[in-house]
Amino acid sequence: MELEERMAELERRMAALEGAERPVPEAVDATFWALEGFKAELAEAGERGADGGVLFTGSVRLPTDERYEWQFGALTERLLDEEWAGTADSFAALGHPVRLRLLREILGGRRTAAELAELAEIGTTGQIYHHLKQLTGAGWLHTTGRGRYEVPGARVVPLLVMLTAARP
């Protein structure tokens, strides 16, 4: 964890302990540095980016010490004009508690079907393979060998973004 991240986390904890809100930083625009950069790119895009856009990004270190950095931006017009039905399988694959648990365990380092079968309350081996097949078919997993699974690197940050967005 970088020094700035650690300091920000300490400030959040102190504010919670003191029951007070965090003070507003002097450079408010620095709070949304990624958003401001994206807005600047949209302004440079001119007419094409007039309706705005969406940006998500992340820098992740997993418990397995694997590191991923990823970003993606899309123009609002394109997102609203696209057919959304094509994303249903991807969302459906994430719509089961056992599948989410499998993804969490795989990101945490349990990579083989045998290791996953040892987990309590996951189901039978047949049920586990059914869930793994659903996740693989939707692109949330890929196999790296016989009975070994990984979340593709390009899907790690988007998965964590979706989990973050789904929180109440």
Protein backbone atom coordinates (compact mmCIF):
# COMPACT_ATOMS: atom_id res chain seq x y z
CA MET A 1 0.00 0.00 0.00
CA GLU A 2 1.40 3.38 -1.00
CA LEU A 3 2.08 6.07 1.61
CA GLU A 4 -0.74 8.31 0.33
CA GLU A 5 -3.24 5.45 0.50
CA ARG A 6 -2.10 4.57 4.01
CA MET A 7 -2.44 8.20 5.13
CA ALA A 8 -5.92 8.45 3.61
CA GLU A 9 -6.95 5.25 5.38
CA LEU A 10 -5.61 6.56 8.70
CA GLU A 11 -7.54 9.81 8.20
CA ARG A 12 -10.73 7.85 7.54
CA ARG A 13 -10.22 5.77 10.66
CA MET A 14 -9.46 8.81 12.81
CA ALA A 15 -12.56 10.60 11.54
CA ALA A 16 -14.67 7.55 12.36
CA LEU A 17 -13.16 7.31 15.84
CA GLU A 18 -13.73 10.99 16.51
CA GLY A 19 -17.23 10.86 15.10
CA ALA A 20 -16.44 13.76 12.83
CA GLU A 21 -16.37 14.19 9.10
CA ARG A 22 -13.06 14.31 7.31
CA PRO A 23 -11.90 17.83 6.59
CA VAL A 24 -12.26 18.98 3.00
CA PRO A 25 -8.86 18.85 1.32
CA GLU A 26 -7.42 22.17 0.23
CA ALA A 27 -7.20 21.06 -3.40
CA VAL A 28 -10.76 19.79 -3.90
CA ASP A 29 -10.17 19.07 -7.57
CA ALA A 30 -7.40 16.63 -6.57
CA THR A 31 -10.09 14.49 -4.94
CA PHE A 32 -11.42 13.59 -8.39
CA TRP A 33 -8.14 13.53 -10.28
CA ALA A 34 -9.18 10.60 -12.47
CA LEU A 35 -12.54 12.19 -13.24
CA GLU A 36 -10.96 15.55 -14.05
CA GLY A 37 -8.48 13.88 -16.41
CA PHE A 38 -11.32 12.01 -18.10
CA LYS A 39 -13.33 15.22 -18.47
CA ALA A 40 -10.31 16.86 -20.11
CA GLU A 41 -10.07 13.96 -22.58
CA LEU A 42 -13.78 14.28 -23.32
CA ALA A 43 -13.37 18.01 -23.94
CA GLU A 44 -10.52 17.27 -26.35
CA ALA A 45 -12.76 14.76 -28.11
CA GLY A 46 -15.08 17.69 -28.80
CA GLU A 47 -18.42 16.82 -30.34
CA ARG A 48 -17.82 13.09 -29.95
CA GLY A 49 -17.59 13.33 -26.15
CA ALA A 50 -20.24 16.01 -25.63
CA ASP A 51 -22.61 13.79 -23.67
CA GLY A 52 -19.98 12.66 -21.19
CA GLY A 53 -18.73 9.25 -20.34
CA VAL A 54 -17.94 6.65 -17.72
CA LEU A 55 -14.50 5.75 -16.43
CA PHE A 56 -13.39 2.99 -14.10
CA THR A 57 -9.90 2.10 -13.11
CA GLY A 58 -8.00 0.19 -10.50
CA SER A 59 -4.64 -0.96 -9.22
CA VAL A 60 -4.96 -4.24 -7.35
CA ARG A 61 -2.67 -6.55 -5.43
CA LEU A 62 -4.32 -9.89 -4.65
CA PRO A 63 -3.53 -12.05 -1.62
CA THR A 64 -1.53 -14.22 -4.05
CA ASP A 65 0.73 -11.17 -4.69
CA GLU A 66 -0.47 -10.90 -8.30
CA ARG A 67 -0.84 -7.29 -9.39
CA TYR A 68 -3.23 -5.83 -11.91
CA GLU A 69 -3.70 -2.32 -13.23
CA TRP A 70 -6.60 -1.62 -15.51
CA GLN A 71 -8.72 1.23 -16.82
CA PHE A 72 -11.62 1.61 -19.17
CA GLY A 73 -13.65 4.54 -20.38
CA ALA A 74 -16.73 4.67 -22.57
CA LEU A 75 -18.77 7.50 -24.02
CA THR A 76 -22.29 7.84 -22.63
CA GLU A 77 -23.83 7.96 -26.11
CA ARG A 78 -22.26 4.63 -27.05
CA LEU A 79 -23.37 2.99 -23.82
CA LEU A 80 -26.95 4.17 -24.16
CA ASP A 81 -27.15 3.23 -27.84
CA GLU A 82 -25.80 -0.31 -27.40
CA GLU A 83 -28.04 -3.31 -26.93
CA TRP A 84 -27.72 -4.31 -23.27
CA ALA A 85 -29.15 -7.82 -23.63
CA GLY A 86 -25.72 -9.11 -24.65
CA THR A 87 -24.44 -8.49 -21.11
CA ALA A 88 -27.14 -10.60 -19.45
CA ASP A 89 -25.05 -13.80 -19.36
CA SER A 90 -22.19 -11.97 -17.68
CA PHE A 91 -24.48 -10.52 -15.01
CA ALA A 92 -26.32 -13.82 -14.60
CA ALA A 93 -23.07 -15.67 -13.97
CA LEU A 94 -22.38 -13.32 -11.06
CA GLY A 95 -25.94 -13.60 -9.75
CA HIS A 96 -25.40 -16.65 -7.55
CA PRO A 97 -23.84 -16.59 -4.07
CA VAL A 98 -21.83 -19.77 -4.68
CA ARG A 99 -20.33 -18.35 -7.88
CA LEU A 100 -19.33 -15.18 -6.10
CA ARG A 101 -17.74 -17.25 -3.36
CA LEU A 102 -15.86 -19.31 -5.94
CA LEU A 103 -14.51 -16.16 -7.57
CA ARG A 104 -13.42 -14.78 -4.20
CA GLU A 105 -11.66 -18.03 -3.32
CA ILE A 106 -9.95 -18.21 -6.72
CA LEU A 107 -8.73 -14.62 -6.39
CA GLY A 108 -7.50 -15.58 -2.92
CA GLY A 109 -5.38 -18.43 -4.24
CA ARG A 110 -7.55 -21.55 -4.29
CA ARG A 111 -7.21 -22.39 -7.94
CA THR A 112 -8.01 -26.07 -8.40
CA ALA A 113 -11.39 -27.74 -8.41
CA ALA A 114 -10.12 -30.04 -5.64
CA GLU A 115 -9.23 -27.07 -3.41
CA LEU A 116 -12.62 -25.50 -4.09
CA ALA A 117 -14.42 -28.79 -3.31
CA GLU A 118 -12.88 -28.73 0.19
CA LEU A 119 -14.78 -25.56 1.07
CA ALA A 120 -17.81 -25.84 3.31
CA GLU A 121 -21.26 -24.99 1.95
CA ILE A 122 -20.18 -24.88 -1.71
CA GLY A 123 -22.00 -28.01 -2.81
CA THR A 124 -21.11 -31.27 -4.45
CA THR A 125 -18.30 -31.65 -6.96
CA GLY A 126 -20.88 -31.74 -9.75
CA GLN A 127 -22.47 -28.51 -8.52
CA ILE A 128 -19.05 -26.85 -8.28
CA TYR A 129 -18.22 -27.83 -11.85
CA HIS A 130 -21.60 -26.49 -12.97
CA HIS A 131 -20.84 -23.10 -11.37
CA LEU A 132 -17.28 -23.07 -12.74
CA LYS A 133 -18.66 -23.79 -16.22
CA GLN A 134 -21.10 -20.86 -15.93
CA LEU A 135 -18.30 -18.50 -14.84
CA THR A 136 -15.98 -19.76 -17.57
CA GLY A 137 -18.66 -19.42 -20.25
CA ALA A 138 -19.30 -15.81 -19.23
CA GLY A 139 -15.58 -15.00 -19.28
CA TRP A 140 -15.14 -14.50 -15.53
CA LEU A 141 -12.82 -17.53 -15.37
CA HIS A 142 -10.53 -19.42 -17.67
CA THR A 143 -8.78 -22.72 -17.23
CA THR A 144 -5.01 -22.80 -17.03
CA GLY A 145 -4.67 -26.55 -16.89
CA ARG A 146 -6.51 -29.64 -15.83
CA GLY A 147 -8.95 -28.56 -13.12
CA ARG A 148 -7.14 -25.26 -12.51
CA TYR A 149 -8.94 -21.91 -12.80
CA GLU A 150 -8.00 -18.23 -12.82
CA VAL A 151 -9.82 -14.96 -13.19
CA PRO A 152 -8.40 -13.46 -16.41
CA GLY A 153 -6.21 -10.46 -15.66
CA ALA A 154 -8.42 -8.14 -17.71
CA ARG A 155 -11.42 -9.17 -15.58
CA VAL A 156 -9.96 -8.69 -12.07
CA VAL A 157 -10.53 -4.93 -11.78
CA PRO A 158 -13.91 -4.99 -13.59
CA LEU A 159 -15.09 -7.71 -11.19
CA LEU A 160 -14.04 -5.65 -8.18
CA VAL A 161 -15.66 -2.55 -9.72
CA MET A 162 -18.93 -4.46 -10.13
CA LEU A 163 -18.79 -5.67 -6.54
CA THR A 164 -18.14 -2.13 -5.38
CA ALA A 165 -20.99 -0.74 -7.48
CA ALA A 166 -23.40 -3.39 -6.16
CA ARG A 167 -22.85 -2.47 -2.51
CA PRO A 168 -25.77 -0.75 -0.81
